[in-house]
Amino acid sequence: MKHTKGLVVAAPSSGSGKTTVALALMAAFARKGLITAPFKVGPDFIDPGYHVRITGRVSRNLDGWMLHEKCNREIFARGADGADVCVVEGVMGLYDGYDGASEAGSTAQIARWLGLPVLLVVDARSMARSFAALVKGFLEFDPECSFCGVVANNVGSRRHLDYLQQAVRDLPGCRLLGGIPRNAGVQIPSRHLGLYTAEDHVLTREMISDLADLADKHLDLDSLLHELTFVQPEPVRERSRPDARVRIGVARDRAFCFYYQDNLDLLEQNGLEPVFFSPLQDEALPRDIHGLYLGGGYPELHAAELAGNSFLLESIHRAGSLGMPIYAECGGFMYLCKSLVDIEDNVYGMAGIFPFTSRMQARRAGLGYREIRLLGDTPLGCRGSVLRGHEFHYSRIDEQDQAVSVQQVYGATDKSGEQRSCPGWLKNNTLGSYVHLHFLSSPDAGRALARACLSFRDSGLHLKL
């Protein structure tokens, strides 16, 4: 494997500017001609989409709760293969994890597991000498966490940056690599669940160029790259990809774009050929498919278009009735309900596999890590299998629908082990829930889905679609 350099972009807290700095570094490195491999810590789908748009390389998620250390190291090795430099965007504050007692599940834990130094992004608004006190605390808090530099964000003026440099000048182990101006002019718009997705094409070529300029003009990139040491990820094991015996349709467009790349890779490893289609634009399912995977996204923002594509909705309903293995999570699950009600109480007919109405609301309906134990046999595994994932949604199932007789197959707990109401519903061979599961958290998820699709293919029922 080619030797590569790498770093983790982290911050004292959310909202400090680490996403902007991470994107700016990726853009600047890519413009220099460096093959840049992006990663994201935590269960995030939006930032990795931006990473791909900037670097042209798949961005992979790393997570210390959903996945064990060896799995994270293997994911990093696959993503880093052939890269000159790796940029890992952190999550929350550097040391924030499951609770206040340890760093388990934190960005710092991932940095230690991968042997990467941290670039600390600190919001310096309204600070001068206090900036040094904050930085000193983070640099010394965990002796096993190494740092490659500090970036000041929201710098008000040249004089403000001078004060910050004076404050940290005699701080051992601190290299202030520059400051991002307060009104830098590069901002990605946001909405109810976070930023707009890469599929919305808000990250234009001009914005990517502006991000690269931001890093080039305000950060000492040459010093940063020079000081970074080479890391040697674990050797990438040859991952067998059997000849595609079965094909699985994967919904992917502006309405459905939340997928862990390693979930898709695992399906291929197990002999499934992903065939992408657009519920917004395609009037029919792909030909000769033996299963469906409907990921999350923003179906509520495209509900009228989705409802208007009635022929595709009928085709998906028929596929479910025939027993085709269908796995749907969050937005994909909403798409399979009988109707979707938006925030303005407009009602849109959906595929109707599940006899539920999903209703958008102003308040968040679910957030957090979930451990799922299967209470029955499903397309993702047999009774007793355990998977891990995350839920984050603003819709809920209408209470009157809860009494409908559909098999509930998820027993859910949160990261502390407390019981959570987070059902998974099974009808025929269709499994849906609000949880985004990471398939690598269970050794059998990919194989189970492949077996289910193969069984459906051999039944010949797909020929009736």
Protein backbone atom coordinates (compact mmCIF):
# COMPACT_ATOMS: atom_id res chain seq x y z
CA MET A 1 0.00 0.00 0.00
CA LYS A 2 1.14 3.54 -0.78
CA HIS A 3 2.29 5.54 2.23
CA THR A 4 -0.07 8.37 3.08
CA LYS A 5 -0.27 11.33 5.40
CA GLY A 6 -3.36 12.16 7.40
CA LEU A 7 -4.99 14.28 10.06
CA VAL A 8 -8.24 14.61 11.99
CA VAL A 9 -10.02 17.97 11.98
CA ALA A 10 -11.66 18.48 15.38
CA ALA A 11 -12.92 21.25 17.65
CA PRO A 12 -13.83 21.96 21.28
CA SER A 13 -17.55 21.85 20.41
CA SER A 14 -20.03 21.66 17.59
CA GLY A 15 -20.43 24.89 15.66
CA SER A 16 -16.75 25.85 15.95
CA GLY A 17 -16.09 25.65 12.20
CA LYS A 18 -14.52 22.22 11.74
CA THR A 19 -16.69 21.38 8.71
CA THR A 20 -15.66 24.57 6.92
CA VAL A 21 -11.99 23.96 7.70
CA ALA A 22 -12.19 20.28 6.71
CA LEU A 23 -13.82 21.15 3.38
CA ALA A 24 -11.33 23.96 2.79
CA LEU A 25 -8.38 21.61 3.40
CA MET A 26 -9.83 18.98 1.06
CA ALA A 27 -10.37 21.59 -1.65
CA ALA A 28 -6.89 23.07 -1.25
CA PHE A 29 -5.13 19.68 -1.20
CA ALA A 30 -7.08 18.50 -4.24
CA ARG A 31 -6.21 21.69 -6.11
CA LYS A 32 -2.54 21.03 -5.37
CA GLY A 33 -2.93 17.72 -7.19
CA LEU A 34 -2.87 15.59 -4.06
CA ILE A 35 -5.08 12.52 -4.05
CA THR A 36 -7.22 13.31 -1.01
CA ALA A 37 -9.18 10.63 0.85
CA PRO A 38 -12.06 11.98 2.98
CA PHE A 39 -13.66 10.46 6.08
CA LYS A 40 -16.33 11.48 8.58
CA VAL A 41 -16.58 10.49 12.24
CA GLY A 42 -20.09 9.64 13.35
CA PRO A 43 -23.42 8.72 11.75
CA ASP A 44 -23.50 11.55 9.24
CA PHE A 45 -24.62 11.39 5.59
CA ILE A 46 -24.55 15.04 4.53
CA ASP A 47 -20.92 15.99 5.10
CA PRO A 48 -19.60 12.87 3.28
CA GLY A 49 -21.61 13.97 0.24
CA TYR A 50 -19.71 17.26 0.20
CA HIS A 51 -16.44 15.39 0.66
CA VAL A 52 -17.10 13.35 -2.47
CA ARG A 53 -18.03 16.42 -4.49
CA ILE A 54 -14.75 18.14 -3.54
CA THR A 55 -12.27 15.26 -3.70
CA GLY A 56 -13.87 12.92 -6.22
CA ARG A 57 -13.30 10.06 -3.76
CA VAL A 58 -15.80 8.10 -1.72
CA SER A 59 -16.07 9.37 1.86
CA ARG A 60 -16.40 6.69 4.52
CA ASN A 61 -17.90 6.90 7.99
CA LEU A 62 -15.92 5.96 11.08
CA ASP A 63 -17.73 5.34 14.35
CA GLY A 64 -16.53 4.15 17.74
CA TRP A 65 -19.95 3.01 18.97
CA MET A 66 -21.51 1.32 15.97
CA LEU A 67 -18.23 -0.34 14.95
CA HIS A 68 -15.30 -1.83 16.86
CA GLU A 69 -11.68 -0.70 16.54
CA LYS A 70 -10.58 -3.31 14.01
CA CYS A 71 -13.52 -2.51 11.77
CA ASN A 72 -12.72 1.22 11.86
CA ARG A 73 -9.09 0.54 11.02
CA GLU A 74 -10.11 -1.61 8.07
CA ILE A 75 -12.53 1.05 6.79
CA PHE A 76 -9.76 3.65 7.03
CA ALA A 77 -7.32 1.38 5.19
CA ARG A 78 -9.77 0.86 2.33
CA GLY A 79 -10.49 4.56 2.01
CA ALA A 80 -6.83 5.59 2.31
CA ASP A 81 -5.61 3.14 -0.33
CA GLY A 82 -3.80 5.09 -3.05
CA ALA A 83 -4.22 8.50 -1.37
CA ASP A 84 -1.54 11.13 -0.74
CA VAL A 85 -3.34 12.64 2.23
CA CYS A 86 -6.35 11.68 4.36
CA VAL A 87 -8.64 14.24 5.97
CA VAL A 88 -10.96 12.95 8.73
CA GLU A 89 -13.70 15.35 9.78
CA GLY A 90 -14.58 14.88 13.44
CA VAL A 91 -17.91 15.04 15.22
CA MET A 92 -19.09 17.18 18.17
CA GLY A 93 -16.28 18.24 20.51
CA LEU A 94 -12.97 16.39 20.30
CA TYR A 95 -13.41 14.45 23.54
CA ASP A 96 -17.22 14.11 23.46
CA GLY A 97 -18.44 10.51 23.28
CA TYR A 98 -21.08 8.30 24.87
CA ASP A 99 -21.04 10.09 28.23
CA GLY A 100 -18.97 12.38 30.41
CA ALA A 101 -16.87 9.62 31.95
CA SER A 102 -14.76 8.48 28.99
CA GLU A 103 -13.75 9.23 25.42
CA ALA A 104 -15.47 6.11 24.07
CA GLY A 105 -17.22 6.98 20.83
CA SER A 106 -15.38 10.30 20.48
CA THR A 107 -13.30 11.85 17.72
CA ALA A 108 -10.25 11.55 20.00
CA GLN A 109 -10.79 7.80 20.21
CA ILE A 110 -10.86 7.49 16.41
CA ALA A 111 -7.70 9.61 16.12
CA ARG A 112 -5.87 7.31 18.55
CA TRP A 113 -7.13 4.14 16.85
CA LEU A 114 -5.87 5.39 13.48
CA GLY A 115 -2.65 6.93 14.78
CA LEU A 116 -3.51 10.35 13.31
CA PRO A 117 -2.77 13.82 14.74
CA VAL A 118 -5.52 16.33 15.40
CA LEU A 119 -5.87 19.78 13.85
CA LEU A 120 -7.84 21.72 16.45
CA VAL A 121 -10.28 24.37 15.15
CA VAL A 122 -11.17 26.90 17.85
CA ASP A 123 -13.84 29.58 17.59
CA ALA A 124 -11.83 32.63 18.65
CA ARG A 125 -14.68 35.12 18.50
CA SER A 126 -14.42 37.59 21.41
CA MET A 127 -11.22 35.95 22.74
CA ALA A 128 -7.59 36.97 23.03
CA ARG A 129 -5.43 35.55 25.83
CA SER A 130 -8.26 33.23 26.90
CA PHE A 131 -7.72 31.50 23.56
CA ALA A 132 -4.41 30.18 24.90
CA ALA A 133 -6.02 28.84 28.06
CA LEU A 134 -8.60 26.91 26.09
CA VAL A 135 -6.01 25.53 23.64
CA LYS A 136 -3.67 24.55 26.48
CA GLY A 137 -6.42 22.56 28.15
CA PHE A 138 -7.21 20.58 25.00
CA LEU A 139 -3.57 19.90 24.15
CA GLU A 140 -2.80 18.58 27.62
CA PHE A 141 -6.08 16.84 28.48
CA ASP A 142 -5.19 13.48 26.95
CA PRO A 143 -1.45 12.71 26.62
CA GLU A 144 -2.24 9.94 24.10
CA CYS A 145 -3.89 12.39 21.70
CA SER A 146 -1.36 14.13 19.43
CA PHE A 147 -1.84 17.46 17.64
CA CYS A 148 -0.47 18.84 14.38
CA GLY A 149 -1.68 22.40 14.81
CA VAL A 150 -4.41 24.87 15.77
CA VAL A 151 -6.64 27.00 13.56
CA ALA A 152 -8.43 30.07 14.89
CA ASN A 153 -11.89 30.58 13.42
CA ASN A 154 -14.01 33.74 13.35
CA VAL A 155 -11.00 36.04 13.54
CA GLY A 156 -12.14 39.65 13.55
CA SER A 157 -9.08 41.42 12.14
CA ARG A 158 -5.35 41.23 11.55
CA ARG A 159 -4.81 42.73 15.00
CA HIS A 160 -7.08 40.09 16.54
CA LEU A 161 -4.96 37.35 14.94
CA ASP A 162 -1.81 39.03 16.27
CA TYR A 163 -3.25 38.89 19.80
CA LEU A 164 -4.02 35.19 19.39
CA GLN A 165 -0.50 34.50 18.13
CA GLN A 166 0.97 36.38 21.08
CA ALA A 167 -1.20 34.41 23.48
CA VAL A 168 -0.01 30.97 22.28
CA ARG A 169 3.57 31.90 21.39
CA ASP A 170 5.08 30.25 24.45
CA LEU A 171 2.56 27.42 24.69
CA PRO A 172 4.43 24.10 24.39
CA GLY A 173 3.33 21.93 21.48
CA CYS A 174 1.08 24.59 19.95
CA ARG A 175 1.45 25.67 16.33
CA LEU A 176 -1.09 28.28 15.29
CA LEU A 177 -1.39 27.69 11.56
CA GLY A 178 -3.55 30.70 10.85
CA GLY A 179 -6.96 32.24 11.31
CA ILE A 180 -10.19 32.08 9.29
CA PRO A 181 -11.82 35.53 9.00
CA ARG A 182 -15.16 36.07 10.67
CA ASN A 183 -16.90 36.95 7.42
CA ALA A 184 -15.14 34.52 5.15
CA GLY A 185 -18.06 34.45 2.72
CA VAL A 186 -18.24 30.66 2.37
CA GLN A 187 -21.39 29.26 3.94
CA ILE A 188 -23.57 26.31 3.00
CA PRO A 189 -27.29 26.93 3.61
CA SER A 190 -29.13 24.73 6.11
CA ARG A 191 -32.64 23.42 6.72
CA HIS A 192 -34.56 21.42 9.32
CA LEU A 193 -32.36 18.31 9.41
CA GLY A 194 -29.08 20.07 8.75
CA LEU A 195 -27.25 21.23 5.65
CA TYR A 196 -28.50 20.84 2.14
CA THR A 197 -27.21 17.63 0.59
CA ALA A 198 -24.59 17.40 -2.15
CA GLU A 199 -27.37 16.17 -4.46
CA ASP A 200 -28.93 19.64 -4.19
CA HIS A 201 -25.82 20.97 -5.96
CA VAL A 202 -25.43 23.95 -3.65
CA LEU A 203 -21.68 23.29 -3.49
CA THR A 204 -20.75 24.84 -6.83
CA ARG A 205 -17.34 24.87 -8.50
CA GLU A 206 -17.03 28.50 -7.46
CA MET A 207 -17.70 27.61 -3.82
CA ILE A 208 -15.16 24.80 -3.95
CA SER A 209 -12.62 27.23 -5.39
CA ASP A 210 -13.50 29.73 -2.65
CA LEU A 211 -12.96 27.03 -0.02
CA ALA A 212 -9.54 26.23 -1.48
CA ASP A 213 -8.69 29.95 -1.48
CA LEU A 214 -9.75 30.16 2.16
CA ALA A 215 -7.21 27.54 3.18
CA ASP A 216 -4.47 28.81 0.84
CA LYS A 217 -4.75 32.43 1.96
CA HIS A 218 -5.27 32.01 5.68
CA LEU A 219 -3.52 28.76 6.70
CA ASP A 220 0.11 27.67 6.50
CA LEU A 221 -0.59 24.59 4.40
CA ASP A 222 3.01 23.99 3.40
CA SER A 223 4.07 23.80 7.03
CA LEU A 224 1.15 21.55 7.87
CA LEU A 225 1.88 19.09 5.05
CA HIS A 226 5.60 19.10 5.79
CA GLU A 227 5.14 18.33 9.46
CA LEU A 228 2.61 15.54 8.96
CA THR A 229 4.26 12.14 9.26
CA PHE A 230 3.45 9.20 7.06
CA VAL A 231 1.04 6.65 8.43
CA GLN A 232 0.83 3.08 7.31
CA PRO A 233 -2.76 1.81 7.42
CA GLU A 234 -3.31 -1.89 7.84
CA PRO A 235 -2.81 -3.78 4.57
CA VAL A 236 -5.99 -3.81 2.53
CA ARG A 237 -7.20 -7.36 2.38
CA GLU A 238 -8.46 -8.58 -0.94
CA ARG A 239 -12.23 -8.50 -0.63
CA SER A 240 -13.84 -11.11 -2.81
CA ARG A 241 -16.58 -9.78 -5.04
CA PRO A 242 -18.40 -12.80 -6.44
CA ASP A 243 -19.92 -12.58 -9.89
CA ALA A 244 -23.19 -10.76 -9.47
CA ARG A 245 -25.79 -13.48 -9.26
CA VAL A 246 -28.54 -11.21 -8.04
CA ARG A 247 -29.36 -7.56 -8.53
CA ILE A 248 -30.71 -5.19 -5.89
CA GLY A 249 -32.36 -1.91 -6.80
CA VAL A 250 -31.03 1.02 -4.74
CA ALA A 251 -33.03 4.27 -4.67
CA ARG A 252 -30.66 7.20 -5.15
CA ASP A 253 -31.54 10.77 -6.02
CA ARG A 254 -32.28 14.09 -4.28
CA ALA A 255 -34.99 12.45 -2.15
CA PHE A 256 -33.01 9.34 -1.15
CA CYS A 257 -29.29 9.85 -0.71
CA PHE A 258 -28.37 8.71 2.81
CA TYR A 259 -26.27 5.54 2.55
CA TYR A 260 -23.14 4.31 4.29
CA GLN A 261 -20.71 3.45 1.52
CA ASP A 262 -19.60 0.37 3.42
CA ASN A 263 -23.20 -0.91 3.43
CA LEU A 264 -23.21 -0.81 -0.37
CA ASP A 265 -19.75 -2.38 -0.54
CA LEU A 266 -20.85 -5.20 1.76
CA LEU A 267 -23.76 -6.03 -0.52
CA GLU A 268 -21.36 -6.31 -3.46
CA GLN A 269 -19.04 -8.51 -1.42
CA ASN A 270 -21.91 -10.89 -0.92
CA GLY A 271 -22.73 -11.15 -4.60
CA LEU A 272 -25.37 -8.42 -4.94
CA GLU A 273 -25.11 -6.00 -7.83
CA PRO A 274 -26.48 -2.57 -6.82
CA VAL A 275 -28.63 -1.07 -9.58
CA PHE A 276 -29.36 2.58 -8.86
CA PHE A 277 -32.67 4.19 -9.80
CA SER A 278 -34.53 7.42 -9.09
CA PRO A 279 -37.99 7.35 -7.50
CA LEU A 280 -38.29 10.96 -8.64
CA GLN A 281 -37.55 10.41 -12.31
CA ASP A 282 -37.82 6.72 -13.23
CA GLU A 283 -41.29 5.49 -14.11
CA ALA A 284 -40.38 1.84 -13.61
CA LEU A 285 -38.14 -0.29 -11.43
CA PRO A 286 -34.89 -1.50 -12.99
CA ARG A 287 -35.29 -4.72 -14.96
CA ASP A 288 -34.40 -8.08 -13.44
CA ILE A 289 -33.93 -7.01 -9.83
CA HIS A 290 -34.42 -9.36 -6.90
CA GLY A 291 -34.50 -6.92 -4.00
CA LEU A 292 -34.82 -3.25 -3.05
CA TYR A 293 -32.85 -0.97 -0.70
CA LEU A 294 -34.49 2.38 0.06
CA GLY A 295 -32.22 4.64 2.11
CA GLY A 296 -32.99 7.84 3.94
CA GLY A 297 -33.13 11.40 2.70
CA TYR A 298 -35.73 14.13 2.34
CA PRO A 299 -38.85 12.57 0.79
CA GLU A 300 -41.04 15.20 2.46
CA LEU A 301 -39.39 17.93 0.36
CA HIS A 302 -40.22 16.04 -2.84
CA ALA A 303 -43.51 14.48 -1.76
CA ALA A 304 -45.56 15.89 -4.65
CA GLU A 305 -43.13 14.50 -7.25
CA LEU A 306 -42.92 11.14 -5.51
CA ALA A 307 -46.71 10.89 -5.22
CA GLY A 308 -47.09 11.90 -8.85
CA ASN A 309 -44.95 8.99 -10.03
CA SER A 310 -47.85 6.61 -9.53
CA PHE A 311 -46.68 3.84 -11.85
CA LEU A 312 -43.45 3.39 -9.89
CA LEU A 313 -45.35 3.45 -6.58
CA GLU A 314 -47.63 0.71 -7.89
CA SER A 315 -44.62 -1.31 -9.06
CA ILE A 316 -43.00 -1.11 -5.63
CA HIS A 317 -46.27 -2.05 -3.93
CA ARG A 318 -46.56 -5.06 -6.23
CA ALA A 319 -42.96 -6.08 -5.53
CA GLY A 320 -43.72 -6.04 -1.81
CA SER A 321 -46.88 -8.07 -2.32
CA LEU A 322 -44.92 -10.70 -4.25
CA GLY A 323 -42.50 -11.07 -1.35
CA MET A 324 -39.49 -9.33 -2.84
CA PRO A 325 -36.94 -8.58 -0.06
CA ILE A 326 -37.20 -4.84 0.58
CA TYR A 327 -35.20 -2.96 3.21
CA ALA A 328 -36.17 0.66 3.90
CA GLU A 329 -34.87 3.07 6.52
CA CYS A 330 -36.13 6.47 7.64
CA GLY A 331 -37.03 8.37 4.45
CA GLY A 332 -37.27 5.11 2.54
CA PHE A 333 -39.62 3.77 5.20
CA MET A 334 -41.80 6.88 4.91
CA TYR A 335 -41.96 6.27 1.16
CA LEU A 336 -43.39 2.78 1.78
CA CYS A 337 -46.19 4.04 4.07
CA LYS A 338 -49.70 4.66 2.74
CA SER A 339 -49.31 8.44 2.94
CA LEU A 340 -47.00 11.27 3.94
CA VAL A 341 -48.27 14.46 5.58
CA ASP A 342 -45.95 17.45 5.32
CA ILE A 343 -45.49 20.24 7.84
CA GLU A 344 -48.35 22.21 6.22
CA ASP A 345 -50.74 19.23 6.51
CA ASN A 346 -50.70 18.44 2.79
CA VAL A 347 -51.35 14.72 2.28
CA TYR A 348 -49.50 12.71 -0.38
CA GLY A 349 -50.11 9.10 -1.31
CA MET A 350 -47.07 6.82 -1.11
CA ALA A 351 -46.41 3.16 -1.93
CA GLY A 352 -48.77 1.78 0.71
CA ILE A 353 -46.86 -1.35 1.66
CA PHE A 354 -47.13 -0.32 5.32
CA PRO A 355 -50.61 0.85 6.46
CA PHE A 356 -49.18 3.89 8.23
CA THR A 357 -49.27 7.65 7.79
CA SER A 358 -45.96 9.40 8.39
CA ARG A 359 -46.46 12.96 9.59
CA MET A 360 -43.83 15.71 9.62
CA GLN A 361 -43.65 17.89 12.72
CA ALA A 362 -41.69 20.91 13.88
CA ARG A 363 -40.15 19.09 16.84
CA ARG A 364 -37.58 16.36 16.48
CA ALA A 365 -39.17 12.93 16.92
CA GLY A 366 -36.10 10.76 17.37
CA LEU A 367 -32.35 11.14 17.87
CA GLY A 368 -29.59 8.85 19.06
CA TYR A 369 -27.66 5.63 18.69
CA ARG A 370 -29.70 2.44 18.74
CA GLU A 371 -28.81 -1.19 19.27
CA ILE A 372 -31.36 -3.41 17.55
CA ARG A 373 -32.09 -7.01 18.44
CA LEU A 374 -34.21 -8.79 15.85
CA LEU A 375 -37.33 -10.29 17.40
CA GLY A 376 -38.06 -12.39 14.32
CA ASP A 377 -36.52 -13.51 11.05
CA THR A 378 -36.02 -10.62 8.60
CA PRO A 379 -34.18 -9.91 5.32
CA LEU A 380 -31.27 -8.59 7.44
CA GLY A 381 -30.88 -11.62 9.68
CA CYS A 382 -32.58 -14.18 11.84
CA ARG A 383 -34.21 -13.79 15.23
CA GLY A 384 -31.65 -12.81 17.88
CA SER A 385 -29.26 -11.02 15.50
CA VAL A 386 -27.92 -7.71 16.83
CA LEU A 387 -27.19 -4.63 14.71
CA ARG A 388 -26.31 -1.07 15.57
CA GLY A 389 -27.38 2.18 14.00
CA HIS A 390 -28.67 5.70 14.55
CA GLU A 391 -31.99 7.52 14.23
CA PHE A 392 -32.59 11.21 13.52
CA HIS A 393 -35.98 12.24 12.16
CA TYR A 394 -38.71 14.84 12.41
CA SER A 395 -41.63 12.67 11.34
CA ARG A 396 -43.70 10.21 13.33
CA ILE A 397 -46.27 7.54 12.67
CA ASP A 398 -49.83 8.65 13.49
CA GLU A 399 -50.93 7.17 16.78
CA GLN A 400 -54.09 5.64 15.35
CA ASP A 401 -51.91 3.62 12.97
CA GLN A 402 -50.00 1.96 15.80
CA ALA A 403 -52.82 -0.53 16.40
CA VAL A 404 -52.62 -1.86 12.84
CA SER A 405 -51.53 -5.48 12.79
CA VAL A 406 -48.03 -5.41 11.31
CA GLN A 407 -45.28 -7.51 12.85
CA GLN A 408 -42.82 -5.52 14.99
CA VAL A 409 -39.38 -7.08 14.80
CA TYR A 410 -37.04 -4.61 16.55
CA GLY A 411 -36.18 -4.57 20.22
CA ALA A 412 -34.24 -1.33 20.72
CA THR A 413 -31.92 0.10 23.35
CA ASP A 414 -29.87 3.29 23.31
CA LYS A 415 -26.11 3.61 23.86
CA SER A 416 -26.61 3.42 27.65
CA GLY A 417 -28.64 0.21 27.37
CA GLU A 418 -32.02 1.77 28.17
CA GLN A 419 -35.07 0.50 26.30
CA ARG A 420 -36.26 2.73 23.45
CA SER A 421 -39.43 2.75 21.40
CA CYS A 422 -37.94 2.32 17.97
CA PRO A 423 -39.97 -0.33 16.13
CA GLY A 424 -38.99 -2.14 13.00
CA TRP A 425 -41.98 -3.32 10.97
CA LEU A 426 -42.10 -6.43 8.81
CA LYS A 427 -44.77 -7.15 6.22
CA ASN A 428 -44.27 -10.10 3.88
CA ASN A 429 -40.56 -9.66 3.17
CA THR A 430 -40.44 -5.88 3.57
CA LEU A 431 -38.55 -4.47 6.55
CA GLY A 432 -38.83 -0.79 7.45
CA SER A 433 -37.91 1.49 10.36
CA TYR A 434 -36.56 4.92 11.23
CA VAL A 435 -33.12 3.52 12.13
CA HIS A 436 -30.16 3.85 9.77
CA LEU A 437 -28.32 0.58 10.41
CA HIS A 438 -24.63 0.07 9.73
CA PHE A 439 -24.38 -3.39 8.20
CA LEU A 440 -20.79 -3.87 9.40
CA SER A 441 -22.10 -3.85 12.97
CA SER A 442 -23.46 -7.36 12.31
CA PRO A 443 -21.41 -10.11 10.67
CA ASP A 444 -24.44 -11.55 8.88
CA ALA A 445 -26.45 -8.57 7.58
CA GLY A 446 -24.96 -8.53 4.08
CA ARG A 447 -25.09 -12.30 3.70
CA ALA A 448 -28.67 -12.46 4.98
CA LEU A 449 -29.91 -9.88 2.49
CA ALA A 450 -28.03 -11.59 -0.33
CA ARG A 451 -29.58 -14.94 0.60
CA ALA A 452 -33.05 -13.41 0.69
CA CYS A 453 -32.60 -11.85 -2.75
CA LEU A 454 -31.17 -15.07 -4.18
CA SER A 455 -34.14 -17.02 -2.83
CA PHE A 456 -36.53 -14.54 -4.46
CA ARG A 457 -34.68 -14.83 -7.75
CA ASP A 458 -34.85 -18.61 -7.67
CA SER A 459 -38.57 -18.47 -6.96
CA GLY A 460 -39.13 -16.84 -10.34
CA LEU A 461 -41.56 -14.33 -8.84
CA HIS A 462 -39.46 -11.41 -10.08
CA LEU A 463 -40.61 -12.31 -13.60
CA LYS A 464 -44.14 -11.22 -12.66
CA LEU A 465 -43.11 -7.63 -11.98
